Amino acid sequence: MPCRRLPLLLTALLAGTALPTPAAAQACAYWVAPPPTGNDANPGTQAQPWATLDHASAAVLAAGGSNCTVWFQDGTYSGGHSLYERFATATTFKAVTRYKAVLQHSGTVLRLFGARNMVFEGFELRHSGAGAAALVVQVQQDGVNWAEDVTFRDNVMHDSYNNDILKINNGARRILVQGNLFYNQAGSDEHMDVNSVTDVLIRDNIFF
């Protein structure tokens, strides 16, 4: 099912949208790396990075940073991630090397429930294998707050063994899905399912 050459194709097709290097990041910058290098007890610096997306999101919000970038070192980050944080300004979660920071899980890899002002860029997101629970990425209301002002840009989302690769539904607004690659969706559902939302812009994506 996996197709390892497709990220290289996306790099070629999107050569005009290169990610800035970490050196060019804003002054507010944090770092994440897979264990054992990464540890959520660390301060989140380049020398002492955090280990998980969940912790990074909560810690950046608690620190009150503005327009921050959270850099993800190369490697595989296994497990599900549920983000509820509502940032006052755009907070960017970005792979240091395109498609080399891999988020994978045997169920939903990334849930954004009521999250606000988040950008995800340069990741590979996938189910870890057959028998996975539904969905790779889901964006929706948390029961009170809309999921809003969220961007997925230049990611590779693939290998859903159950249901949609990306589901945006039930109270999401001002969502941008741009320049991503989608492939290998299993079952009777969709690469992308968008319903019960407003102001969702989908453009310049590639579907296989």
C-alpha atoms as a PDB file:
ATOM      1  CA  MET A   1       0.000   0.000   0.000  1.00  0.00           C
ATOM      2  CA  PRO A   2       2.690   2.612   0.843  1.00  0.00           C
ATOM      3  CA  CYS A   3       4.300   4.505  -2.033  1.00  0.00           C
ATOM      4  CA  ARG A   4       7.577   6.033  -0.919  1.00  0.00           C
ATOM      5  CA  ARG A   5       8.324   7.835  -4.193  1.00  0.00           C
ATOM      6  CA  LEU A   6       5.328  10.140  -4.004  1.00  0.00           C
ATOM      7  CA  PRO A   7       6.852  12.568  -1.453  1.00  0.00           C
ATOM      8  CA  LEU A   8       9.707  13.114  -3.906  1.00  0.00           C
ATOM      9  CA  LEU A   9       7.154  13.884  -6.606  1.00  0.00           C
ATOM     10  CA  LEU A  10       5.437  16.406  -4.370  1.00  0.00           C
ATOM     11  CA  THR A  11       8.767  18.067  -3.632  1.00  0.00           C
ATOM     12  CA  ALA A  12       9.385  18.468  -7.352  1.00  0.00           C
ATOM     13  CA  LEU A  13       5.900  19.764  -8.071  1.00  0.00           C
ATOM     14  CA  LEU A  14       6.008  22.243  -5.227  1.00  0.00           C
ATOM     15  CA  ALA A  15       9.584  23.396  -5.696  1.00  0.00           C
ATOM     16  CA  GLY A  16       8.387  26.987  -5.716  1.00  0.00           C
ATOM     17  CA  THR A  17       6.977  26.709  -2.184  1.00  0.00           C
ATOM     18  CA  ALA A  18      10.080  25.737  -0.271  1.00  0.00           C
ATOM     19  CA  LEU A  19       9.916  25.831   3.494  1.00  0.00           C
ATOM     20  CA  PRO A  20      12.080  28.420   5.216  1.00  0.00           C
ATOM     21  CA  THR A  21      14.983  27.006   7.160  1.00  0.00           C
ATOM     22  CA  PRO A  22      14.888  27.011  10.965  1.00  0.00           C
ATOM     23  CA  ALA A  23      17.449  29.806  10.932  1.00  0.00           C
ATOM     24  CA  ALA A  24      14.835  31.977   9.251  1.00  0.00           C
ATOM     25  CA  ALA A  25      12.159  31.225  11.845  1.00  0.00           C
ATOM     26  CA  GLN A  26      10.582  33.839  14.051  1.00  0.00           C
ATOM     27  CA  ALA A  27      12.186  34.719  17.366  1.00  0.00           C
ATOM     28  CA  CYS A  28       9.551  32.598  19.100  1.00  0.00           C
ATOM     29  CA  ALA A  29      10.716  29.082  18.227  1.00  0.00           C
ATOM     30  CA  TYR A  30      10.485  25.708  19.954  1.00  0.00           C
ATOM     31  CA  TRP A  31      11.697  22.234  19.050  1.00  0.00           C
ATOM     32  CA  VAL A  32      10.368  18.662  19.136  1.00  0.00           C
ATOM     33  CA  ALA A  33      12.218  15.402  18.451  1.00  0.00           C
ATOM     34  CA  PRO A  34      11.320  11.724  18.828  1.00  0.00           C
ATOM     35  CA  PRO A  35      12.498   9.948  21.987  1.00  0.00           C
ATOM     36  CA  PRO A  36      15.050   9.390  23.301  1.00  0.00           C
ATOM     37  CA  THR A  37      16.333  12.784  22.123  1.00  0.00           C
ATOM     38  CA  GLY A  38      13.000  14.402  22.815  1.00  0.00           C
ATOM     39  CA  ASN A  39      11.472  14.492  26.274  1.00  0.00           C
ATOM     40  CA  ASP A  40       8.438  16.460  27.414  1.00  0.00           C
ATOM     41  CA  ALA A  41      10.313  17.311  30.605  1.00  0.00           C
ATOM     42  CA  ASN A  42      12.775  19.338  28.494  1.00  0.00           C
ATOM     43  CA  PRO A  43      12.423  23.098  27.916  1.00  0.00           C
ATOM     44  CA  GLY A  44      11.679  22.706  24.198  1.00  0.00           C
ATOM     45  CA  THR A  45      14.917  24.219  22.929  1.00  0.00           C
ATOM     46  CA  GLN A  46      16.875  22.932  19.940  1.00  0.00           C
ATOM     47  CA  ALA A  47      19.393  21.338  22.300  1.00  0.00           C
ATOM     48  CA  GLN A  48      16.688  19.949  24.621  1.00  0.00           C
ATOM     49  CA  PRO A  49      13.546  19.383  22.556  1.00  0.00           C
ATOM     50  CA  TRP A  50      10.133  18.163  23.631  1.00  0.00           C
ATOM     51  CA  ALA A  51       8.898  14.737  22.506  1.00  0.00           C
ATOM     52  CA  THR A  52       5.234  15.150  21.532  1.00  0.00           C
ATOM     53  CA  LEU A  53       2.948  17.413  19.553  1.00  0.00           C
ATOM     54  CA  ASP A  54       0.328  17.380  22.323  1.00  0.00           C
ATOM     55  CA  HIS A  55       2.778  18.689  24.904  1.00  0.00           C
ATOM     56  CA  ALA A  56       4.261  21.248  22.536  1.00  0.00           C
ATOM     57  CA  SER A  57       0.872  22.748  21.727  1.00  0.00           C
ATOM     58  CA  ALA A  58      -0.153  23.019  25.383  1.00  0.00           C
ATOM     59  CA  ALA A  59       3.236  24.363  26.473  1.00  0.00           C
ATOM     60  CA  VAL A  60       3.407  27.067  23.795  1.00  0.00           C
ATOM     61  CA  LEU A  61      -0.075  28.291  24.706  1.00  0.00           C
ATOM     62  CA  ALA A  62       0.819  28.310  28.405  1.00  0.00           C
ATOM     63  CA  ALA A  63       3.971  30.318  27.647  1.00  0.00           C
ATOM     64  CA  GLY A  64       1.885  32.971  25.894  1.00  0.00           C
ATOM     65  CA  GLY A  65       4.132  33.134  22.836  1.00  0.00           C
ATOM     66  CA  SER A  66       3.066  35.107  19.755  1.00  0.00           C
ATOM     67  CA  ASN A  67       3.445  33.895  16.142  1.00  0.00           C
ATOM     68  CA  CYS A  68       5.583  30.953  17.264  1.00  0.00           C
ATOM     69  CA  THR A  69       7.059  28.172  15.144  1.00  0.00           C
ATOM     70  CA  VAL A  70       7.436  24.678  16.589  1.00  0.00           C
ATOM     71  CA  TRP A  71      10.061  22.758  14.596  1.00  0.00           C
ATOM     72  CA  PHE A  72       9.852  18.954  14.334  1.00  0.00           C
ATOM     73  CA  GLN A  73      13.081  17.048  13.836  1.00  0.00           C
ATOM     74  CA  ASP A  74      13.256  14.077  11.460  1.00  0.00           C
ATOM     75  CA  GLY A  75      11.819  10.810  12.746  1.00  0.00           C
ATOM     76  CA  THR A  76       8.603   8.932  13.465  1.00  0.00           C
ATOM     77  CA  TYR A  77       6.208  10.176  16.121  1.00  0.00           C
ATOM     78  CA  SER A  78       3.894   7.302  17.011  1.00  0.00           C
ATOM     79  CA  GLY A  79       0.565   7.729  18.773  1.00  0.00           C
ATOM     80  CA  GLY A  80      -2.549   9.857  18.503  1.00  0.00           C
ATOM     81  CA  HIS A  81      -2.540  13.630  18.996  1.00  0.00           C
ATOM     82  CA  SER A  82      -5.566  15.598  20.237  1.00  0.00           C
ATOM     83  CA  LEU A  83      -5.219  19.376  20.208  1.00  0.00           C
ATOM     84  CA  TYR A  84      -7.757  21.731  21.791  1.00  0.00           C
ATOM     85  CA  GLU A  85      -5.596  24.843  22.168  1.00  0.00           C
ATOM     86  CA  ARG A  86      -6.944  28.174  20.954  1.00  0.00           C
ATOM     87  CA  PHE A  87      -4.087  30.524  20.085  1.00  0.00           C
ATOM     88  CA  ALA A  88      -4.536  34.276  19.775  1.00  0.00           C
ATOM     89  CA  THR A  89      -2.079  34.384  16.842  1.00  0.00           C
ATOM     90  CA  ALA A  90      -1.011  31.831  14.260  1.00  0.00           C
ATOM     91  CA  THR A  91       1.146  29.060  15.720  1.00  0.00           C
ATOM     92  CA  THR A  92       2.996  26.977  13.140  1.00  0.00           C
ATOM     93  CA  PHE A  93       3.960  23.324  13.575  1.00  0.00           C
ATOM     94  CA  LYS A  94       6.532  22.568  10.889  1.00  0.00           C
ATOM     95  CA  ALA A  95       8.861  19.762   9.840  1.00  0.00           C
ATOM     96  CA  VAL A  96      12.534  20.727   9.710  1.00  0.00           C
ATOM     97  CA  THR A  97      12.875  18.525   6.606  1.00  0.00           C
ATOM     98  CA  ARG A  98       9.863  18.072   4.342  1.00  0.00           C
ATOM     99  CA  TYR A  99       8.076  14.744   4.918  1.00  0.00           C
ATOM    100  CA  LYS A 100      10.775  13.472   7.290  1.00  0.00           C
ATOM    101  CA  ALA A 101       8.728  14.197  10.419  1.00  0.00           C
ATOM    102  CA  VAL A 102       6.179  11.372  10.335  1.00  0.00           C
ATOM    103  CA  LEU A 103       3.047  11.328  12.506  1.00  0.00           C
ATOM    104  CA  GLN A 104       1.515   7.860  12.586  1.00  0.00           C
ATOM    105  CA  HIS A 105      -1.000   5.943  14.686  1.00  0.00           C
ATOM    106  CA  SER A 106      -3.257   2.896  14.680  1.00  0.00           C
ATOM    107  CA  GLY A 107      -6.235   5.262  14.867  1.00  0.00           C
ATOM    108  CA  THR A 108      -6.836   8.947  14.235  1.00  0.00           C
ATOM    109  CA  VAL A 109      -3.395  10.512  14.007  1.00  0.00           C
ATOM    110  CA  LEU A 110      -4.396  14.135  14.553  1.00  0.00           C
ATOM    111  CA  ARG A 111      -7.598  15.506  16.088  1.00  0.00           C
ATOM    112  CA  LEU A 112      -8.241  19.234  16.230  1.00  0.00           C
ATOM    113  CA  PHE A 113     -11.328  19.741  18.404  1.00  0.00           C
ATOM    114  CA  GLY A 114     -12.174  23.410  18.897  1.00  0.00           C
ATOM    115  CA  ALA A 115      -8.578  24.352  18.050  1.00  0.00           C
ATOM    116  CA  ARG A 116      -7.762  27.806  16.712  1.00  0.00           C
ATOM    117  CA  ASN A 117      -4.917  29.521  14.825  1.00  0.00           C
ATOM    118  CA  MET A 118      -2.797  26.489  13.917  1.00  0.00           C
ATOM    119  CA  VAL A 119      -0.708  25.783  10.813  1.00  0.00           C
ATOM    120  CA  PHE A 120       0.671  22.330   9.929  1.00  0.00           C
ATOM    121  CA  GLU A 121       3.372  22.222   7.299  1.00  0.00           C
ATOM    122  CA  GLY A 122       5.726  19.649   5.813  1.00  0.00           C
ATOM    123  CA  PHE A 123       4.544  16.543   7.709  1.00  0.00           C
ATOM    124  CA  GLU A 124       3.813  13.008   6.630  1.00  0.00           C
ATOM    125  CA  LEU A 125       0.649  11.710   8.331  1.00  0.00           C
ATOM    126  CA  ARG A 126      -0.522   8.100   8.037  1.00  0.00           C
ATOM    127  CA  HIS A 127      -2.076   5.100   9.707  1.00  0.00           C
ATOM    128  CA  SER A 128       0.514   2.671  11.009  1.00  0.00           C
ATOM    129  CA  GLY A 129      -1.033  -0.393   9.378  1.00  0.00           C
ATOM    130  CA  ALA A 130      -4.022  -2.597   8.675  1.00  0.00           C
ATOM    131  CA  GLY A 131      -6.689  -2.771  11.364  1.00  0.00           C
ATOM    132  CA  ALA A 132      -6.395   0.915  12.248  1.00  0.00           C
ATOM    133  CA  ALA A 133      -9.392   2.767  13.659  1.00  0.00           C
ATOM    134  CA  ALA A 134     -11.106   5.423  11.542  1.00  0.00           C
ATOM    135  CA  LEU A 135      -9.611   8.601  10.063  1.00  0.00           C
ATOM    136  CA  VAL A 136      -6.103   9.995   9.756  1.00  0.00           C
ATOM    137  CA  VAL A 137      -6.909  13.665  10.480  1.00  0.00           C
ATOM    138  CA  GLN A 138     -10.120  15.197  11.853  1.00  0.00           C
ATOM    139  CA  VAL A 139     -11.094  18.839  12.419  1.00  0.00           C
ATOM    140  CA  GLN A 140     -14.320  19.746  14.205  1.00  0.00           C
ATOM    141  CA  GLN A 141     -16.046  21.648  17.008  1.00  0.00           C
ATOM    142  CA  ASP A 142     -15.356  20.556  20.587  1.00  0.00           C
ATOM    143  CA  GLY A 143     -19.003  20.950  21.559  1.00  0.00           C
ATOM    144  CA  VAL A 144     -18.588  24.645  22.418  1.00  0.00           C
ATOM    145  CA  ASN A 145     -15.873  26.194  20.256  1.00  0.00           C
ATOM    146  CA  TRP A 146     -15.556  26.055  16.492  1.00  0.00           C
ATOM    147  CA  ALA A 147     -12.358  24.637  15.054  1.00  0.00           C
ATOM    148  CA  GLU A 148     -11.194  27.703  13.166  1.00  0.00           C
ATOM    149  CA  ASP A 149      -8.316  29.440  11.407  1.00  0.00           C
ATOM    150  CA  VAL A 150      -6.456  26.186  10.699  1.00  0.00           C
ATOM    151  CA  THR A 151      -4.141  25.586   7.732  1.00  0.00           C
ATOM    152  CA  PHE A 152      -2.764  22.335   6.287  1.00  0.00           C
ATOM    153  CA  ARG A 153      -0.048  23.219   3.783  1.00  0.00           C
ATOM    154  CA  ASP A 154       2.465  21.041   1.909  1.00  0.00           C
ATOM    155  CA  ASN A 155       1.850  17.809   3.828  1.00  0.00           C
ATOM    156  CA  VAL A 156       1.638  14.197   2.640  1.00  0.00           C
ATOM    157  CA  MET A 157      -1.455  12.441   4.047  1.00  0.00           C
ATOM    158  CA  HIS A 158      -1.886   8.806   3.102  1.00  0.00           C
ATOM    159  CA  ASP A 159      -2.595   5.190   3.961  1.00  0.00           C
ATOM    160  CA  SER A 160      -5.949   5.437   5.676  1.00  0.00           C
ATOM    161  CA  TYR A 161      -6.908   1.827   6.324  1.00  0.00           C
ATOM    162  CA  ASN A 162     -10.288   2.933   7.679  1.00  0.00           C
ATOM    163  CA  ASN A 163     -12.505   5.822   6.553  1.00  0.00           C
ATOM    164  CA  ASP A 164     -11.370   9.279   5.393  1.00  0.00           C
ATOM    165  CA  ILE A 165      -7.822  10.572   5.208  1.00  0.00           C
ATOM    166  CA  LEU A 166      -8.937  14.098   6.166  1.00  0.00           C
ATOM    167  CA  LYS A 167     -12.334  14.857   7.710  1.00  0.00           C
ATOM    168  CA  ILE A 168     -13.424  18.457   8.294  1.00  0.00           C
ATOM    169  CA  ASN A 169     -16.896  18.531   9.806  1.00  0.00           C
ATOM    170  CA  ASN A 170     -19.367  19.510  12.533  1.00  0.00           C
ATOM    171  CA  GLY A 171     -18.489  23.119  13.197  1.00  0.00           C
ATOM    172  CA  ALA A 172     -15.261  24.078  11.450  1.00  0.00           C
ATOM    173  CA  ARG A 173     -14.622  27.398   9.734  1.00  0.00           C
ATOM    174  CA  ARG A 174     -11.853  29.330   8.006  1.00  0.00           C
ATOM    175  CA  ILE A 175      -9.880  26.186   7.171  1.00  0.00           C
ATOM    176  CA  LEU A 176      -7.278  26.172   4.370  1.00  0.00           C
ATOM    177  CA  VAL A 177      -6.104  22.924   2.757  1.00  0.00           C
ATOM    178  CA  GLN A 178      -3.436  23.849   0.215  1.00  0.00           C
ATOM    179  CA  GLY A 179      -0.651  22.090  -1.671  1.00  0.00           C
ATOM    180  CA  ASN A 180      -0.994  18.690   0.027  1.00  0.00           C
ATOM    181  CA  LEU A 181      -0.668  15.195  -1.417  1.00  0.00           C
ATOM    182  CA  PHE A 182      -3.339  12.554  -0.681  1.00  0.00           C
ATOM    183  CA  TYR A 183      -3.163   8.869  -1.595  1.00  0.00           C
ATOM    184  CA  ASN A 184      -4.087   5.315  -0.518  1.00  0.00           C
ATOM    185  CA  GLN A 185      -7.512   5.631   1.077  1.00  0.00           C
ATOM    186  CA  ALA A 186      -9.151   2.278   1.840  1.00  0.00           C
ATOM    187  CA  GLY A 187     -12.831   1.486   2.184  1.00  0.00           C
ATOM    188  CA  SER A 188     -15.916   3.235   0.874  1.00  0.00           C
ATOM    189  CA  ASP A 189     -15.146   6.712   2.161  1.00  0.00           C
ATOM    190  CA  GLU A 190     -13.088   9.650   0.860  1.00  0.00           C
ATOM    191  CA  HIS A 191      -9.663  11.167   0.635  1.00  0.00           C
ATOM    192  CA  MET A 192     -11.330  14.270   2.072  1.00  0.00           C
ATOM    193  CA  ASP A 193     -14.797  14.648   3.621  1.00  0.00           C
ATOM    194  CA  VAL A 194     -16.008  18.201   4.278  1.00  0.00           C
ATOM    195  CA  ASN A 195     -19.480  18.815   5.700  1.00  0.00           C
ATOM    196  CA  SER A 196     -21.360  21.030   8.195  1.00  0.00           C
ATOM    197  CA  VAL A 197     -18.683  23.736   7.864  1.00  0.00           C
ATOM    198  CA  THR A 198     -18.220  27.252   6.537  1.00  0.00           C
ATOM    199  CA  ASP A 199     -15.402  29.086   4.750  1.00  0.00           C
ATOM    200  CA  VAL A 200     -13.275  26.050   3.938  1.00  0.00           C
ATOM    201  CA  LEU A 201     -10.860  26.631   1.049  1.00  0.00           C
ATOM    202  CA  ILE A 202      -9.332  23.616  -0.719  1.00  0.00           C
ATOM    203  CA  ARG A 203      -6.857  24.316  -3.505  1.00  0.00           C
ATOM    204  CA  ASP A 204      -3.723  23.122  -5.308  1.00  0.00           C
ATOM    205  CA  ASN A 205      -3.790  19.633  -3.785  1.00  0.00           C
ATOM    206  CA  ILE A 206      -2.830  16.365  -5.522  1.00  0.00           C
ATOM    207  CA  PHE A 207      -4.939  13.208  -5.191  1.00  0.00           C
ATOM    208  CA  PHE A 208      -3.962   9.656  -6.170  1.00  0.00           C
END
